[in-house]
Amino acid sequence: MTFCIFLLAGCYSSQATEPTENTMVISLENHAHFSIYQIEIDTAFTGNGMAYADGSRIKKGDIMSMVFDNQQDFTLKGNMLFDFFLISENNERIYLGQQNLTLKPNQAYHFEVHGTDIQDVELVRVR
């Protein structure tokens, strides 16, 4: 029997959440021209999603941030592979790619999602 733990987390702001001395933040800004309802970020240790509690779409220009706490989520030391996904209006899971990120406290990563439709969507690292 397999158990899967999936945590919906994250927050919306017109600005990316800033990290603290004990956290690392990954922010994604939506610039896509199609409807997105959830963003997922998976690692070998976690599977997290960011969505609005009411199920509404993530609008163009919205910024969703996921905060990773040192020791609580995983140790913020070394490197880790992060897989990025979008969930569309039809609950289609769209793979955006993988990023190898350096883990360290007080670190922020900012990405943008671009594309006119699901077929040409891309994840762009801004910082």
Protein backbone atom coordinates (compact mmCIF):
# COMPACT_ATOMS: atom_id res chain seq x y z
CA MET A 1 0.00 0.00 0.00
CA THR A 2 1.38 3.43 -0.94
CA PHE A 3 0.63 6.64 0.89
CA CYS A 4 1.09 10.02 -0.71
CA ILE A 5 1.30 13.21 1.30
CA PHE A 6 0.44 16.33 -0.65
CA LEU A 7 0.45 19.73 1.01
CA LEU A 8 -1.28 22.74 -0.45
CA ALA A 9 0.68 25.73 0.65
CA GLY A 10 1.87 29.05 -0.59
CA CYS A 11 0.64 32.57 -0.60
CA TYR A 12 -0.32 35.25 -3.07
CA SER A 13 1.07 38.74 -3.19
CA SER A 14 1.76 41.41 -5.75
CA GLN A 15 5.38 40.99 -4.64
CA ALA A 16 7.41 37.86 -3.97
CA THR A 17 7.74 36.77 -0.34
CA GLU A 18 11.17 37.58 1.05
CA PRO A 19 13.20 34.86 2.78
CA THR A 20 14.39 35.05 6.37
CA GLU A 21 17.59 33.81 8.00
CA ASN A 22 15.95 30.38 8.38
CA THR A 23 13.97 30.06 5.12
CA MET A 24 14.34 29.75 1.37
CA VAL A 25 11.59 31.03 -0.94
CA ILE A 26 10.59 29.98 -4.46
CA SER A 27 8.22 32.43 -6.16
CA LEU A 28 6.43 31.98 -9.48
CA GLU A 29 4.81 34.82 -11.39
CA ASN A 30 2.11 33.97 -13.91
CA HIS A 31 2.54 35.54 -17.37
CA ALA A 32 0.71 32.76 -19.25
CA HIS A 33 -2.17 33.52 -21.59
CA PHE A 34 -4.24 30.53 -20.46
CA SER A 35 -5.88 29.52 -17.19
CA ILE A 36 -3.74 28.08 -14.39
CA TYR A 37 -5.35 26.79 -11.21
CA GLN A 38 -2.44 25.36 -9.28
CA ILE A 39 1.34 25.28 -9.28
CA GLU A 40 3.19 22.25 -7.92
CA ILE A 41 6.81 22.01 -6.83
CA ASP A 42 8.12 18.52 -6.10
CA THR A 43 11.41 17.33 -4.64
CA ALA A 44 12.66 13.93 -3.53
CA PHE A 45 11.32 14.78 -0.04
CA THR A 46 8.24 16.95 -0.59
CA GLY A 47 5.33 17.51 -2.92
CA ASN A 48 3.76 20.92 -2.50
CA GLY A 49 1.12 22.84 -4.38
CA MET A 50 0.08 26.46 -4.44
CA ALA A 51 -3.54 27.33 -5.18
CA TYR A 52 -6.26 29.67 -3.98
CA ALA A 53 -8.46 28.19 -1.25
CA ASP A 54 -11.61 28.99 -3.24
CA GLY A 55 -10.28 27.14 -6.31
CA SER A 56 -10.17 30.25 -8.47
CA ARG A 57 -7.59 30.57 -11.21
CA ILE A 58 -4.17 32.12 -10.72
CA LYS A 59 -4.49 35.30 -12.75
CA LYS A 60 -1.90 36.79 -15.06
CA GLY A 61 0.48 38.88 -12.92
CA ASP A 62 -0.23 36.95 -9.70
CA ILE A 63 2.82 35.85 -7.73
CA MET A 64 2.68 32.67 -5.68
CA SER A 65 5.45 31.96 -3.16
CA MET A 66 6.45 28.76 -1.41
CA VAL A 67 8.54 29.02 1.75
CA PHE A 68 10.88 26.18 2.75
CA ASP A 69 11.92 26.19 6.42
CA ASN A 70 15.44 25.01 7.33
CA GLN A 71 15.31 21.66 9.17
CA GLN A 72 11.49 21.57 9.11
CA ASP A 73 11.07 20.85 5.38
CA PHE A 74 14.64 19.71 4.73
CA THR A 75 18.14 20.96 5.53
CA LEU A 76 18.93 24.10 3.53
CA LYS A 77 22.42 22.97 2.55
CA GLY A 78 23.77 21.64 -0.73
CA ASN A 79 21.75 21.32 -3.94
CA MET A 80 18.41 19.73 -4.76
CA LEU A 81 16.38 19.03 -7.88
CA PHE A 82 12.96 20.71 -8.02
CA ASP A 83 10.30 19.62 -10.53
CA PHE A 84 7.71 22.25 -11.53
CA PHE A 85 4.16 21.55 -12.74
CA LEU A 86 1.03 23.53 -13.59
CA ILE A 87 -2.53 22.31 -13.15
CA SER A 88 -4.83 23.58 -15.89
CA GLU A 89 -8.56 24.23 -15.96
CA ASN A 90 -9.16 20.59 -17.01
CA ASN A 91 -7.00 19.28 -14.13
CA GLU A 92 -4.25 18.51 -16.65
CA ARG A 93 -0.82 18.30 -14.99
CA ILE A 94 1.72 20.09 -17.20
CA TYR A 95 5.42 19.49 -16.60
CA LEU A 96 7.45 22.72 -16.72
CA GLY A 97 10.86 21.21 -16.15
CA GLN A 98 13.44 20.62 -13.49
CA GLN A 99 15.73 23.10 -11.76
CA ASN A 100 18.84 22.28 -9.73
CA LEU A 101 18.80 24.87 -6.93
CA THR A 102 21.31 25.65 -4.21
CA LEU A 103 19.76 25.26 -0.78
CA LYS A 104 20.66 27.91 1.74
CA PRO A 105 18.87 30.09 4.28
CA ASN A 106 17.92 33.63 3.24
CA GLN A 107 17.81 32.57 -0.43
CA ALA A 108 15.11 33.60 -2.91
CA TYR A 109 14.42 32.21 -6.37
CA HIS A 110 11.97 33.89 -8.73
CA PHE A 111 10.51 32.23 -11.83
CA GLU A 112 7.99 33.32 -14.44
CA VAL A 113 5.55 31.14 -16.37
CA HIS A 114 5.15 32.18 -20.04
CA GLY A 115 3.12 30.82 -22.94
CA THR A 116 0.10 31.39 -25.13
CA ASP A 117 -1.25 27.87 -24.52
CA ILE A 118 -0.35 24.61 -22.80
CA GLN A 119 1.75 23.42 -25.76
CA ASP A 120 4.25 26.31 -25.60
CA VAL A 121 4.40 26.95 -21.86
CA GLU A 122 7.83 27.55 -20.35
CA LEU A 123 9.37 28.26 -16.97
CA VAL A 124 11.88 31.14 -16.97
CA ARG A 125 14.24 31.75 -14.08
CA VAL A 126 14.45 35.48 -13.32
CA ARG A 127 16.67 35.33 -10.24
